[in-house]
Amino acid sequence: MSEGGGVDVREHGAGQQVADQRLFVKFQAFGGVADVKALAAALDRSGLEGALYADLHDPRGVGVVVMSEDPVHLATRVRDVLGAEPFAGLEPKPALALLGRTYASGFEPDLADWLLARPRRVICDPASAWAIWYPLRRSGAFARLTRDEQAAILREHGALGRAYGEAGLANDIRLACHGLDPNDNDFVIGLIGPGLHPLSHLVQSMRRTVQTSQYLERLGPFFVGYALWRQAAR
């Protein structure tokens, strides 16, 4: 709540930074692909911002991630592109239809970069070809912890992710999806980096944190992909 008693839906960073902008990110996996080059060409012509991945678990599968600061863009232009050929004849995978928004934890030194610029850099980085995308849901027990207890748990989790990022092994995209996910998940996670093994290693290391070992109710399904196309904002 705000000091005046109203509802404050803004994002808050370090040093009293405040922003009312955020990036909406949509991920969708498809099967039944016969010509992946046609998909890349269609995305290139569309002007959409995002990436196309080959699905390692499905030789005729792909994953598409698109992003926009305006969710109306996802409901109009993105819907039009993914609903037309060559995407129209593909088989959408409902379990891998993910939608989330960037958010702040209150400690970000550059709030605008965290919310809007960094996710774009990470997803469109030409040096980072591998990606793992998945949803997760925390248990209700986490919500019943005090704010200090939650902060300590999240610091442990965040420090591990930062260590992999500083080593150039993996960068994470963390998106809130409360009320946006058909399966009632809380978050969408993207792990992106130059090699596949470090991404798997990061997931393995996260298993030992308090958050994952004690306060996650559901994790996955996992999409593992190799980037075939990327496009930043024109």
C-alpha atoms as a PDB file:
ATOM      1  CA  MET A   1       0.000   0.000   0.000  1.00  0.00           C
ATOM      2  CA  SER A   2       1.140   3.593  -0.584  1.00  0.00           C
ATOM      3  CA  GLU A   3       1.566   6.150   2.196  1.00  0.00           C
ATOM      4  CA  GLY A   4      -1.758   7.703   1.211  1.00  0.00           C
ATOM      5  CA  GLY A   5      -3.548   4.412   1.688  1.00  0.00           C
ATOM      6  CA  GLY A   6      -3.993   3.644  -1.995  1.00  0.00           C
ATOM      7  CA  VAL A   7      -2.664   0.670  -3.917  1.00  0.00           C
ATOM      8  CA  ASP A   8       0.896   1.111  -5.224  1.00  0.00           C
ATOM      9  CA  VAL A   9       1.580  -1.172  -8.204  1.00  0.00           C
ATOM     10  CA  ARG A  10       4.880   0.472  -9.142  1.00  0.00           C
ATOM     11  CA  GLU A  11       8.251  -1.274  -9.060  1.00  0.00           C
ATOM     12  CA  HIS A  12      10.727  -0.102  -6.401  1.00  0.00           C
ATOM     13  CA  GLY A  13      14.521  -0.307  -6.598  1.00  0.00           C
ATOM     14  CA  ALA A  14      17.435   0.822  -4.443  1.00  0.00           C
ATOM     15  CA  GLY A  15      17.769   4.484  -3.479  1.00  0.00           C
ATOM     16  CA  GLN A  16      14.036   5.205  -3.728  1.00  0.00           C
ATOM     17  CA  GLN A  17      13.912   4.463  -7.460  1.00  0.00           C
ATOM     18  CA  VAL A  18      10.364   3.976  -8.720  1.00  0.00           C
ATOM     19  CA  ALA A  19       9.125   2.794 -12.118  1.00  0.00           C
ATOM     20  CA  ASP A  20       5.748   1.950 -13.586  1.00  0.00           C
ATOM     21  CA  GLN A  21       7.150   0.214 -16.651  1.00  0.00           C
ATOM     22  CA  ARG A  22       7.955  -3.450 -17.026  1.00  0.00           C
ATOM     23  CA  LEU A  23       8.597  -5.961 -19.778  1.00  0.00           C
ATOM     24  CA  PHE A  24       6.047  -8.664 -20.583  1.00  0.00           C
ATOM     25  CA  VAL A  25       7.640 -11.851 -21.931  1.00  0.00           C
ATOM     26  CA  LYS A  26       5.734 -14.665 -23.644  1.00  0.00           C
ATOM     27  CA  PHE A  27       7.178 -18.128 -24.355  1.00  0.00           C
ATOM     28  CA  GLN A  28       5.397 -20.701 -26.510  1.00  0.00           C
ATOM     29  CA  ALA A  29       6.608 -24.122 -27.655  1.00  0.00           C
ATOM     30  CA  PHE A  30       5.318 -25.758 -30.841  1.00  0.00           C
ATOM     31  CA  GLY A  31       5.575 -29.197 -32.439  1.00  0.00           C
ATOM     32  CA  GLY A  32       5.096 -30.429 -35.987  1.00  0.00           C
ATOM     33  CA  VAL A  33       7.676 -28.130 -37.571  1.00  0.00           C
ATOM     34  CA  ALA A  34       8.695 -29.090 -41.120  1.00  0.00           C
ATOM     35  CA  ASP A  35      10.621 -25.960 -42.130  1.00  0.00           C
ATOM     36  CA  VAL A  36      12.289 -24.101 -39.279  1.00  0.00           C
ATOM     37  CA  LYS A  37      13.897 -21.621 -41.696  1.00  0.00           C
ATOM     38  CA  ALA A  38      10.439 -20.447 -42.750  1.00  0.00           C
ATOM     39  CA  LEU A  39       9.612 -19.697 -39.105  1.00  0.00           C
ATOM     40  CA  ALA A  40      12.797 -17.663 -38.661  1.00  0.00           C
ATOM     41  CA  ALA A  41      12.096 -15.741 -41.864  1.00  0.00           C
ATOM     42  CA  ALA A  42       8.527 -14.956 -40.759  1.00  0.00           C
ATOM     43  CA  LEU A  43       9.729 -13.703 -37.376  1.00  0.00           C
ATOM     44  CA  ASP A  44      12.403 -11.617 -39.048  1.00  0.00           C
ATOM     45  CA  ARG A  45       9.819  -9.950 -41.304  1.00  0.00           C
ATOM     46  CA  SER A  46       7.434  -9.415 -38.404  1.00  0.00           C
ATOM     47  CA  GLY A  47       9.697  -7.034 -36.518  1.00  0.00           C
ATOM     48  CA  LEU A  48       8.918  -8.846 -33.266  1.00  0.00           C
ATOM     49  CA  GLU A  49      11.514  -8.763 -30.529  1.00  0.00           C
ATOM     50  CA  GLY A  50      12.655 -12.133 -29.209  1.00  0.00           C
ATOM     51  CA  ALA A  51      14.202 -15.486 -30.092  1.00  0.00           C
ATOM     52  CA  LEU A  52      13.472 -18.806 -31.785  1.00  0.00           C
ATOM     53  CA  TYR A  53      14.890 -22.045 -30.344  1.00  0.00           C
ATOM     54  CA  ALA A  54      15.284 -25.591 -31.612  1.00  0.00           C
ATOM     55  CA  ASP A  55      13.704 -27.965 -29.064  1.00  0.00           C
ATOM     56  CA  LEU A  56      16.220 -30.587 -27.910  1.00  0.00           C
ATOM     57  CA  HIS A  57      13.413 -32.860 -26.739  1.00  0.00           C
ATOM     58  CA  ASP A  58      11.455 -32.785 -30.001  1.00  0.00           C
ATOM     59  CA  PRO A  59      13.188 -33.041 -33.417  1.00  0.00           C
ATOM     60  CA  ARG A  60      10.164 -31.273 -34.953  1.00  0.00           C
ATOM     61  CA  GLY A  61       9.753 -28.797 -32.108  1.00  0.00           C
ATOM     62  CA  VAL A  62      10.645 -25.161 -31.500  1.00  0.00           C
ATOM     63  CA  GLY A  63      10.197 -22.546 -28.808  1.00  0.00           C
ATOM     64  CA  VAL A  64       9.435 -18.880 -29.436  1.00  0.00           C
ATOM     65  CA  VAL A  65       9.991 -16.078 -26.931  1.00  0.00           C
ATOM     66  CA  VAL A  66       8.669 -12.574 -27.627  1.00  0.00           C
ATOM     67  CA  MET A  67       8.611  -9.481 -25.444  1.00  0.00           C
ATOM     68  CA  SER A  68       7.009  -6.062 -25.207  1.00  0.00           C
ATOM     69  CA  GLU A  69       6.431  -3.348 -22.633  1.00  0.00           C
ATOM     70  CA  ASP A  70       2.800  -3.207 -23.761  1.00  0.00           C
ATOM     71  CA  PRO A  71       0.728  -6.375 -23.179  1.00  0.00           C
ATOM     72  CA  VAL A  72      -1.705  -5.176 -25.858  1.00  0.00           C
ATOM     73  CA  HIS A  73       1.100  -5.845 -28.348  1.00  0.00           C
ATOM     74  CA  LEU A  74       1.083  -9.496 -27.257  1.00  0.00           C
ATOM     75  CA  ALA A  75      -2.678  -9.719 -27.718  1.00  0.00           C
ATOM     76  CA  THR A  76      -2.615  -8.118 -31.181  1.00  0.00           C
ATOM     77  CA  ARG A  77       0.577  -8.133 -33.253  1.00  0.00           C
ATOM     78  CA  VAL A  78       2.140 -11.187 -31.611  1.00  0.00           C
ATOM     79  CA  ARG A  79      -1.161 -13.072 -31.778  1.00  0.00           C
ATOM     80  CA  ASP A  80      -1.485 -12.208 -35.476  1.00  0.00           C
ATOM     81  CA  VAL A  81       2.028 -13.432 -36.299  1.00  0.00           C
ATOM     82  CA  LEU A  82       1.812 -16.689 -34.331  1.00  0.00           C
ATOM     83  CA  GLY A  83      -1.700 -17.357 -35.632  1.00  0.00           C
ATOM     84  CA  ALA A  84      -0.750 -17.033 -39.301  1.00  0.00           C
ATOM     85  CA  GLU A  85       1.374 -19.195 -41.589  1.00  0.00           C
ATOM     86  CA  PRO A  86       3.862 -20.695 -41.176  1.00  0.00           C
ATOM     87  CA  PHE A  87       2.933 -20.949 -37.460  1.00  0.00           C
ATOM     88  CA  ALA A  88      -0.769 -21.654 -38.052  1.00  0.00           C
ATOM     89  CA  GLY A  89      -0.176 -25.290 -38.984  1.00  0.00           C
ATOM     90  CA  LEU A  90       1.985 -26.091 -35.966  1.00  0.00           C
ATOM     91  CA  GLU A  91       0.935 -27.856 -32.758  1.00  0.00           C
ATOM     92  CA  PRO A  92       1.063 -25.548 -29.701  1.00  0.00           C
ATOM     93  CA  LYS A  93       2.194 -27.241 -26.481  1.00  0.00           C
ATOM     94  CA  PRO A  94      -0.086 -25.968 -23.675  1.00  0.00           C
ATOM     95  CA  ALA A  95       2.270 -27.096 -20.899  1.00  0.00           C
ATOM     96  CA  LEU A  96       4.929 -24.810 -22.364  1.00  0.00           C
ATOM     97  CA  ALA A  97       2.801 -21.688 -22.847  1.00  0.00           C
ATOM     98  CA  LEU A  98       4.367 -19.222 -20.404  1.00  0.00           C
ATOM     99  CA  LEU A  99       3.732 -15.535 -19.756  1.00  0.00           C
ATOM    100  CA  GLY A 100       5.417 -13.328 -17.180  1.00  0.00           C
ATOM    101  CA  ARG A 101       6.470  -9.783 -16.333  1.00  0.00           C
ATOM    102  CA  THR A 102       9.712  -8.354 -15.060  1.00  0.00           C
ATOM    103  CA  TYR A 103       9.612  -7.188 -11.459  1.00  0.00           C
ATOM    104  CA  ALA A 104      11.847  -5.601  -8.829  1.00  0.00           C
ATOM    105  CA  SER A 105      12.856  -6.943  -5.426  1.00  0.00           C
ATOM    106  CA  GLY A 106      13.701  -3.489  -4.033  1.00  0.00           C
ATOM    107  CA  PHE A 107      17.497  -3.758  -4.193  1.00  0.00           C
ATOM    108  CA  GLU A 108      18.209  -3.099  -7.891  1.00  0.00           C
ATOM    109  CA  PRO A 109      20.871  -0.341  -8.341  1.00  0.00           C
ATOM    110  CA  ASP A 110      19.570   0.503 -11.845  1.00  0.00           C
ATOM    111  CA  LEU A 111      15.858  -0.195 -11.843  1.00  0.00           C
ATOM    112  CA  ALA A 112      15.132   0.736 -15.472  1.00  0.00           C
ATOM    113  CA  ASP A 113      17.940  -1.458 -16.735  1.00  0.00           C
ATOM    114  CA  TRP A 114      16.780  -4.402 -14.634  1.00  0.00           C
ATOM    115  CA  LEU A 115      13.161  -4.145 -15.740  1.00  0.00           C
ATOM    116  CA  LEU A 116      13.536  -3.221 -19.406  1.00  0.00           C
ATOM    117  CA  ALA A 117      17.043  -3.393 -20.869  1.00  0.00           C
ATOM    118  CA  ARG A 118      18.769  -6.357 -19.217  1.00  0.00           C
ATOM    119  CA  PRO A 119      16.200  -9.004 -20.238  1.00  0.00           C
ATOM    120  CA  ARG A 120      16.492  -7.828 -23.844  1.00  0.00           C
ATOM    121  CA  ARG A 121      20.304  -8.023 -23.723  1.00  0.00           C
ATOM    122  CA  VAL A 122      20.266 -11.508 -22.253  1.00  0.00           C
ATOM    123  CA  ILE A 123      17.641 -13.006 -24.581  1.00  0.00           C
ATOM    124  CA  CYS A 124      19.148 -11.448 -27.729  1.00  0.00           C
ATOM    125  CA  ASP A 125      22.815 -11.968 -26.838  1.00  0.00           C
ATOM    126  CA  PRO A 126      24.465 -13.561 -29.923  1.00  0.00           C
ATOM    127  CA  ALA A 127      27.089 -15.200 -27.697  1.00  0.00           C
ATOM    128  CA  SER A 128      24.483 -17.077 -25.620  1.00  0.00           C
ATOM    129  CA  ALA A 129      22.968 -19.804 -27.773  1.00  0.00           C
ATOM    130  CA  TRP A 130      21.527 -22.104 -25.116  1.00  0.00           C
ATOM    131  CA  ALA A 131      18.400 -21.593 -23.040  1.00  0.00           C
ATOM    132  CA  ILE A 132      16.279 -23.411 -20.482  1.00  0.00           C
ATOM    133  CA  TRP A 133      12.778 -22.016 -19.816  1.00  0.00           C
ATOM    134  CA  TYR A 134      10.448 -23.282 -17.101  1.00  0.00           C
ATOM    135  CA  PRO A 135       7.692 -22.249 -14.657  1.00  0.00           C
ATOM    136  CA  LEU A 136       7.686 -22.707 -10.893  1.00  0.00           C
ATOM    137  CA  ARG A 137       5.300 -22.353  -7.986  1.00  0.00           C
ATOM    138  CA  ARG A 138       6.271 -21.655  -4.387  1.00  0.00           C
ATOM    139  CA  SER A 139       4.538 -23.415  -1.543  1.00  0.00           C
ATOM    140  CA  GLY A 140       2.129 -21.521   0.686  1.00  0.00           C
ATOM    141  CA  ALA A 141       4.577 -21.921   3.550  1.00  0.00           C
ATOM    142  CA  PHE A 142       6.918 -19.369   1.972  1.00  0.00           C
ATOM    143  CA  ALA A 143       4.206 -16.695   2.022  1.00  0.00           C
ATOM    144  CA  ARG A 144       3.735 -17.273   5.764  1.00  0.00           C
ATOM    145  CA  LEU A 145       7.383 -16.471   6.556  1.00  0.00           C
ATOM    146  CA  THR A 146       8.318 -13.025   7.839  1.00  0.00           C
ATOM    147  CA  ARG A 147       9.740 -10.542   5.355  1.00  0.00           C
ATOM    148  CA  ASP A 148      13.211 -10.910   6.907  1.00  0.00           C
ATOM    149  CA  GLU A 149      13.052 -14.699   6.620  1.00  0.00           C
ATOM    150  CA  GLN A 150      11.989 -14.460   3.003  1.00  0.00           C
ATOM    151  CA  ALA A 151      14.764 -11.968   2.244  1.00  0.00           C
ATOM    152  CA  ALA A 152      17.439 -14.260   3.682  1.00  0.00           C
ATOM    153  CA  ILE A 153      16.204 -17.190   1.588  1.00  0.00           C
ATOM    154  CA  LEU A 154      16.069 -15.087  -1.571  1.00  0.00           C
ATOM    155  CA  ARG A 155      19.553 -13.655  -0.954  1.00  0.00           C
ATOM    156  CA  GLU A 156      20.999 -17.172  -0.890  1.00  0.00           C
ATOM    157  CA  HIS A 157      19.220 -18.045  -4.129  1.00  0.00           C
ATOM    158  CA  GLY A 158      20.166 -14.767  -5.799  1.00  0.00           C
ATOM    159  CA  ALA A 159      23.830 -14.962  -4.807  1.00  0.00           C
ATOM    160  CA  LEU A 160      24.148 -18.324  -6.531  1.00  0.00           C
ATOM    161  CA  GLY A 161      22.649 -16.959  -9.731  1.00  0.00           C
ATOM    162  CA  ARG A 162      24.923 -13.906  -9.658  1.00  0.00           C
ATOM    163  CA  ALA A 163      28.003 -16.114  -9.261  1.00  0.00           C
ATOM    164  CA  TYR A 164      27.214 -17.962 -12.491  1.00  0.00           C
ATOM    165  CA  GLY A 165      26.508 -14.660 -14.242  1.00  0.00           C
ATOM    166  CA  GLU A 166      29.763 -13.058 -13.107  1.00  0.00           C
ATOM    167  CA  ALA A 167      31.619 -16.145 -14.362  1.00  0.00           C
ATOM    168  CA  GLY A 168      30.019 -15.742 -17.790  1.00  0.00           C
ATOM    169  CA  LEU A 169      28.313 -19.138 -17.501  1.00  0.00           C
ATOM    170  CA  ALA A 170      24.618 -18.278 -17.198  1.00  0.00           C
ATOM    171  CA  ASN A 171      22.247 -15.349 -16.891  1.00  0.00           C
ATOM    172  CA  ASP A 172      18.753 -15.669 -15.500  1.00  0.00           C
ATOM    173  CA  ILE A 173      15.513 -14.025 -16.553  1.00  0.00           C
ATOM    174  CA  ARG A 174      13.066 -13.935 -13.637  1.00  0.00           C
ATOM    175  CA  LEU A 175       9.442 -13.134 -14.395  1.00  0.00           C
ATOM    176  CA  ALA A 176       6.410 -12.965 -12.130  1.00  0.00           C
ATOM    177  CA  CYS A 177       3.334 -14.692 -13.543  1.00  0.00           C
ATOM    178  CA  HIS A 178       0.813 -14.442 -10.703  1.00  0.00           C
ATOM    179  CA  GLY A 179      -2.629 -14.648 -12.261  1.00  0.00           C
ATOM    180  CA  LEU A 180      -1.116 -14.865 -15.746  1.00  0.00           C
ATOM    181  CA  ASP A 181      -0.351 -18.572 -15.803  1.00  0.00           C
ATOM    182  CA  PRO A 182      -3.071 -21.131 -16.694  1.00  0.00           C
ATOM    183  CA  ASN A 183      -1.550 -23.597 -14.216  1.00  0.00           C
ATOM    184  CA  ASP A 184      -1.317 -21.059 -11.346  1.00  0.00           C
ATOM    185  CA  ASN A 185       2.476 -20.893 -11.308  1.00  0.00           C
ATOM    186  CA  ASP A 186       4.174 -17.961  -9.598  1.00  0.00           C
ATOM    187  CA  PHE A 187       7.248 -17.401 -11.767  1.00  0.00           C
ATOM    188  CA  VAL A 188       8.736 -18.056 -15.198  1.00  0.00           C
ATOM    189  CA  ILE A 189      12.493 -18.586 -15.304  1.00  0.00           C
ATOM    190  CA  GLY A 190      14.812 -18.381 -18.279  1.00  0.00           C
ATOM    191  CA  LEU A 191      18.429 -19.541 -17.943  1.00  0.00           C
ATOM    192  CA  ILE A 192      20.523 -18.393 -20.893  1.00  0.00           C
ATOM    193  CA  GLY A 193      24.224 -18.846 -21.629  1.00  0.00           C
ATOM    194  CA  PRO A 194      26.939 -19.853 -24.113  1.00  0.00           C
ATOM    195  CA  GLY A 195      27.006 -23.504 -23.027  1.00  0.00           C
ATOM    196  CA  LEU A 196      24.355 -26.027 -22.032  1.00  0.00           C
ATOM    197  CA  HIS A 197      26.209 -27.802 -19.225  1.00  0.00           C
ATOM    198  CA  PRO A 198      26.535 -24.693 -16.989  1.00  0.00           C
ATOM    199  CA  LEU A 199      22.780 -24.115 -17.231  1.00  0.00           C
ATOM    200  CA  SER A 200      22.114 -27.671 -16.078  1.00  0.00           C
ATOM    201  CA  HIS A 201      24.759 -27.248 -13.379  1.00  0.00           C
ATOM    202  CA  LEU A 202      23.034 -24.093 -12.123  1.00  0.00           C
ATOM    203  CA  VAL A 203      19.697 -25.909 -11.804  1.00  0.00           C
ATOM    204  CA  GLN A 204      21.497 -28.705  -9.933  1.00  0.00           C
ATOM    205  CA  SER A 205      23.163 -26.195  -7.583  1.00  0.00           C
ATOM    206  CA  MET A 206      19.846 -24.440  -6.952  1.00  0.00           C
ATOM    207  CA  ARG A 207      18.395 -27.716  -5.660  1.00  0.00           C
ATOM    208  CA  ARG A 208      20.471 -27.263  -2.506  1.00  0.00           C
ATOM    209  CA  THR A 209      19.164 -23.804  -1.645  1.00  0.00           C
ATOM    210  CA  VAL A 210      16.548 -23.400   1.068  1.00  0.00           C
ATOM    211  CA  GLN A 211      14.026 -21.977  -1.386  1.00  0.00           C
ATOM    212  CA  THR A 212      14.197 -24.913  -3.811  1.00  0.00           C
ATOM    213  CA  SER A 213      14.613 -27.689  -1.252  1.00  0.00           C
ATOM    214  CA  GLN A 214      11.923 -26.504   1.172  1.00  0.00           C
ATOM    215  CA  TYR A 215       9.613 -23.939  -0.395  1.00  0.00           C
ATOM    216  CA  LEU A 216       8.930 -24.974  -3.986  1.00  0.00           C
ATOM    217  CA  GLU A 217       5.726 -26.848  -4.655  1.00  0.00           C
ATOM    218  CA  ARG A 218       6.198 -27.351  -8.388  1.00  0.00           C
ATOM    219  CA  LEU A 219       9.042 -26.935 -10.893  1.00  0.00           C
ATOM    220  CA  GLY A 220       8.844 -27.385 -14.672  1.00  0.00           C
ATOM    221  CA  PRO A 221       8.189 -28.679 -17.256  1.00  0.00           C
ATOM    222  CA  PHE A 222      11.520 -27.670 -18.752  1.00  0.00           C
ATOM    223  CA  PHE A 223      12.134 -26.500 -22.309  1.00  0.00           C
ATOM    224  CA  VAL A 224      15.732 -26.914 -23.480  1.00  0.00           C
ATOM    225  CA  GLY A 225      16.588 -25.024 -26.631  1.00  0.00           C
ATOM    226  CA  TYR A 226      19.318 -23.836 -28.974  1.00  0.00           C
ATOM    227  CA  ALA A 227      18.867 -20.378 -30.508  1.00  0.00           C
ATOM    228  CA  LEU A 228      18.234 -20.321 -34.267  1.00  0.00           C
ATOM    229  CA  TRP A 229      17.146 -16.670 -34.527  1.00  0.00           C
ATOM    230  CA  ARG A 230      17.191 -13.576 -32.341  1.00  0.00           C
ATOM    231  CA  GLN A 231      15.998 -10.048 -32.930  1.00  0.00           C
ATOM    232  CA  ALA A 232      16.261  -6.984 -30.716  1.00  0.00           C
ATOM    233  CA  ALA A 233      14.026  -3.916 -31.022  1.00  0.00           C
ATOM    234  CA  ARG A 234      14.490  -2.066 -34.302  1.00  0.00           C
END
